[in-house]
Amino acid sequence: MTTVYFVRHCKSNSKNHDDLSRELTEQGLKDRELVTRFFADKEIGAVLSSPYKRSIDTVKPVADERGLTIRTFMDLRERETGQGWIEDFLGYVKAQWTDMTYKLSGGESLLDVQKRNIAVLNEIVRDYKGQNIVIGSHGTALSAIVNYYDPSFGYDEFYEIIDIMPWIVAFEFDENGNFTGLRTFIPGQDC
């Protein structure tokens, strides 16, 4: 069995509007310990991440404890909005969950995000067969992956997790790479 643990990053600095360099807040840095404790009793074969700082920094202590180098994948990044910072974020999010092909000029739809994330996830499952993998991720990207395997996950479910950082989703695959199930965890509550 291969288990892929996607970790939604801890709380990040919303005043930094640059997706690539947005850092964790002081609380986010403290909450990394919850992630580290969650994985303390798990054998981890690799730690991967979106190339965005907040995701890397969330899973870095897990990698450091095991002497692993974090491998980044550009296709694991968060959704590109195409418009920079969006003031009516909830309205935008609702429009995207209502129509998974909806996107702003120069941006990505949820379907676009889902396709690129699922493609790289399939590659990861193939390349790390039989291992437990940790991946630093994002709320929208991770939610689009959950929706791929569980289409009942939509706007209401996304809204429920919108402020949960960190949030962990474990995806399980059999020896042939077939999806067998998923479980969700809130570090600090499910440990």
Protein backbone atom coordinates (compact mmCIF):
# COMPACT_ATOMS: atom_id res chain seq x y z
CA MET A 1 0.00 0.00 0.00
CA THR A 2 1.08 3.56 -0.73
CA THR A 3 -0.18 6.34 1.52
CA VAL A 4 0.16 9.93 0.42
CA TYR A 5 -0.37 12.47 3.20
CA PHE A 6 -1.21 15.88 1.78
CA VAL A 7 -0.63 18.59 4.39
CA ARG A 8 -2.36 21.90 3.90
CA HIS A 9 0.11 24.53 5.05
CA CYS A 10 -0.13 26.21 8.43
CA LYS A 11 -1.44 29.78 8.74
CA SER A 12 0.37 32.15 6.39
CA ASN A 13 0.82 35.92 6.27
CA SER A 14 -2.17 37.23 4.29
CA LYS A 15 -0.51 40.66 4.08
CA ASN A 16 2.10 39.18 1.73
CA HIS A 17 0.26 38.89 -1.59
CA ASP A 18 3.11 37.09 -3.36
CA ASP A 19 2.09 33.44 -3.59
CA LEU A 20 5.62 32.09 -4.01
CA SER A 21 7.20 33.86 -1.03
CA ARG A 22 4.26 34.08 1.40
CA GLU A 23 5.64 33.01 4.75
CA LEU A 24 4.02 31.40 7.77
CA THR A 25 2.81 33.62 10.58
CA GLU A 26 4.18 33.25 14.09
CA GLN A 27 1.16 31.02 14.87
CA GLY A 28 1.81 29.05 11.68
CA LEU A 29 5.41 28.43 12.74
CA LYS A 30 4.17 27.15 16.12
CA ASP A 31 1.53 24.95 14.49
CA ARG A 32 4.19 23.11 12.48
CA GLU A 33 4.83 21.22 15.70
CA LEU A 34 1.32 19.75 15.40
CA VAL A 35 2.26 18.42 11.96
CA THR A 36 5.57 17.03 13.23
CA ARG A 37 3.81 15.27 16.14
CA PHE A 38 1.18 13.83 13.79
CA PHE A 39 3.94 12.09 11.79
CA ALA A 40 6.12 11.14 14.78
CA ASP A 41 5.04 7.48 14.79
CA LYS A 42 4.85 7.08 11.01
CA GLU A 43 7.54 5.75 8.73
CA ILE A 44 7.96 8.34 5.99
CA GLY A 45 9.85 7.53 2.79
CA ALA A 46 9.87 11.01 1.22
CA VAL A 47 8.76 14.57 1.81
CA LEU A 48 7.57 16.50 -1.24
CA SER A 49 5.97 19.91 -1.62
CA SER A 50 4.53 22.67 -3.69
CA PRO A 51 7.37 25.12 -4.40
CA TYR A 52 5.62 27.81 -2.33
CA LYS A 53 7.42 28.83 0.88
CA ARG A 54 4.45 28.33 3.22
CA SER A 55 4.03 24.71 2.11
CA ILE A 56 7.72 23.88 2.26
CA ASP A 57 8.08 25.47 5.69
CA THR A 58 5.09 23.51 7.04
CA VAL A 59 6.62 20.10 6.22
CA LYS A 60 10.30 21.03 6.69
CA PRO A 61 10.50 19.82 10.33
CA VAL A 62 9.12 16.41 9.26
CA ALA A 63 11.86 16.15 6.61
CA ASP A 64 14.55 17.47 8.96
CA GLU A 65 13.74 14.91 11.67
CA ARG A 66 14.30 12.14 9.15
CA GLY A 67 17.26 13.62 7.31
CA LEU A 68 15.22 13.88 4.09
CA THR A 69 15.52 16.53 1.41
CA ILE A 70 12.23 18.09 0.28
CA ARG A 71 11.56 17.59 -3.43
CA THR A 72 9.31 20.26 -4.96
CA PHE A 73 6.88 19.91 -7.85
CA MET A 74 5.62 23.01 -9.63
CA ASP A 75 2.35 21.25 -10.50
CA LEU A 76 1.52 20.92 -6.78
CA ARG A 77 1.24 24.70 -6.48
CA GLU A 78 -1.92 26.51 -5.48
CA ARG A 79 -4.48 27.71 -8.01
CA GLU A 80 -3.41 30.63 -10.21
CA THR A 81 -6.08 33.32 -10.00
CA GLY A 82 -4.73 35.40 -12.87
CA GLN A 83 -5.84 38.57 -11.08
CA GLY A 84 -3.45 38.80 -8.15
CA TRP A 85 -5.12 39.31 -4.79
CA ILE A 86 -8.92 38.89 -4.89
CA GLU A 87 -10.88 41.08 -2.47
CA ASP A 88 -14.18 39.12 -2.72
CA PHE A 89 -12.47 35.78 -2.17
CA LEU A 90 -15.59 33.90 -1.00
CA GLY A 91 -17.59 35.08 -4.01
CA TYR A 92 -14.79 33.94 -6.31
CA VAL A 93 -14.51 30.58 -4.54
CA LYS A 94 -18.26 29.99 -4.69
CA ALA A 95 -18.28 30.74 -8.43
CA GLN A 96 -15.48 28.23 -8.94
CA TRP A 97 -17.16 25.47 -6.94
CA THR A 98 -20.49 26.16 -8.69
CA ASP A 99 -18.82 25.79 -12.10
CA MET A 100 -15.50 23.90 -11.96
CA THR A 101 -14.54 25.41 -15.34
CA TYR A 102 -14.99 29.03 -14.13
CA LYS A 103 -11.82 31.11 -14.15
CA LEU A 104 -10.72 34.70 -14.36
CA SER A 105 -8.67 35.94 -17.29
CA GLY A 106 -5.19 34.42 -17.08
CA GLY A 107 -6.20 32.18 -14.19
CA GLU A 108 -7.04 28.54 -13.62
CA SER A 109 -10.34 26.84 -13.05
CA LEU A 110 -10.72 24.23 -10.31
CA LEU A 111 -10.80 21.64 -13.08
CA ASP A 112 -7.42 22.92 -14.35
CA VAL A 113 -5.96 22.69 -10.84
CA GLN A 114 -7.44 19.25 -10.33
CA LYS A 115 -6.04 17.89 -13.61
CA ARG A 116 -2.48 19.04 -12.98
CA ASN A 117 -2.51 17.89 -9.35
CA ILE A 118 -3.94 14.46 -10.21
CA ALA A 119 -1.35 14.03 -12.99
CA VAL A 120 1.54 14.67 -10.60
CA LEU A 121 -0.10 12.58 -7.87
CA ASN A 122 -0.28 9.62 -10.27
CA GLU A 123 3.43 10.09 -11.01
CA ILE A 124 4.23 10.23 -7.28
CA VAL A 125 2.21 7.07 -6.53
CA ARG A 126 4.08 5.26 -9.29
CA ASP A 127 7.54 6.54 -8.28
CA TYR A 128 7.12 6.03 -4.52
CA LYS A 129 5.17 2.76 -4.63
CA GLY A 130 4.72 1.09 -1.23
CA GLN A 131 5.88 4.10 0.78
CA ASN A 132 4.33 6.71 3.05
CA ILE A 133 4.80 10.13 1.47
CA VAL A 134 4.24 13.60 2.96
CA ILE A 135 3.34 16.46 0.59
CA GLY A 136 3.16 20.15 1.53
CA SER A 137 0.05 21.53 -0.15
CA HIS A 138 -2.65 24.22 -0.24
CA GLY A 139 -6.35 24.45 0.60
CA THR A 140 -7.76 24.83 -2.90
CA ALA A 141 -5.34 22.44 -4.59
CA LEU A 142 -5.94 19.79 -1.92
CA SER A 143 -9.71 20.29 -2.02
CA ALA A 144 -9.68 19.80 -5.80
CA ILE A 145 -7.86 16.49 -5.29
CA VAL A 146 -10.38 15.40 -2.65
CA ASN A 147 -13.20 16.31 -5.07
CA TYR A 148 -11.64 14.13 -7.78
CA TYR A 149 -11.92 11.05 -5.55
CA ASP A 150 -15.08 12.15 -3.72
CA PRO A 151 -17.28 14.33 -5.97
CA SER A 152 -19.58 15.11 -3.02
CA PHE A 153 -16.83 17.41 -1.70
CA GLY A 154 -17.85 20.86 -2.94
CA TYR A 155 -18.21 24.45 -1.81
CA ASP A 156 -19.86 23.63 1.53
CA GLU A 157 -17.11 21.18 2.45
CA PHE A 158 -14.43 23.60 1.28
CA TYR A 159 -16.01 26.34 3.40
CA GLU A 160 -15.85 24.03 6.44
CA ILE A 161 -12.08 23.69 6.11
CA ILE A 162 -11.34 27.22 4.88
CA ASP A 163 -9.73 28.24 8.18
CA ILE A 164 -8.30 24.85 9.16
CA MET A 165 -4.55 25.13 8.83
CA PRO A 166 -2.92 22.68 8.98
CA TRP A 167 -5.25 20.04 7.55
CA ILE A 168 -4.08 16.57 6.51
CA VAL A 169 -5.69 14.23 4.00
CA ALA A 170 -4.30 10.71 3.63
CA PHE A 171 -4.93 9.09 0.24
CA GLU A 172 -4.38 5.35 0.04
CA PHE A 173 -3.49 3.35 -3.06
CA ASP A 174 -3.12 -0.40 -3.53
CA GLU A 175 -0.05 -2.15 -4.98
CA ASN A 176 -1.34 -1.44 -8.51
CA GLY A 177 -1.71 2.29 -7.84
CA ASN A 178 -5.51 2.15 -7.60
CA PHE A 179 -7.15 4.54 -5.16
CA THR A 180 -8.67 2.70 -2.18
CA GLY A 181 -9.76 5.50 0.18
CA LEU A 182 -9.01 8.69 2.01
CA ARG A 183 -9.03 9.90 5.58
CA THR A 184 -8.87 13.45 6.94
CA PHE A 185 -7.13 14.69 10.07
CA ILE A 186 -6.85 17.94 11.98
CA PRO A 187 -3.45 17.87 13.72
CA GLY A 188 -3.81 18.54 17.42
CA GLN A 189 -7.32 17.07 17.42
CA ASP A 190 -6.78 13.71 15.68
CA CYS A 191 -3.40 12.82 17.17
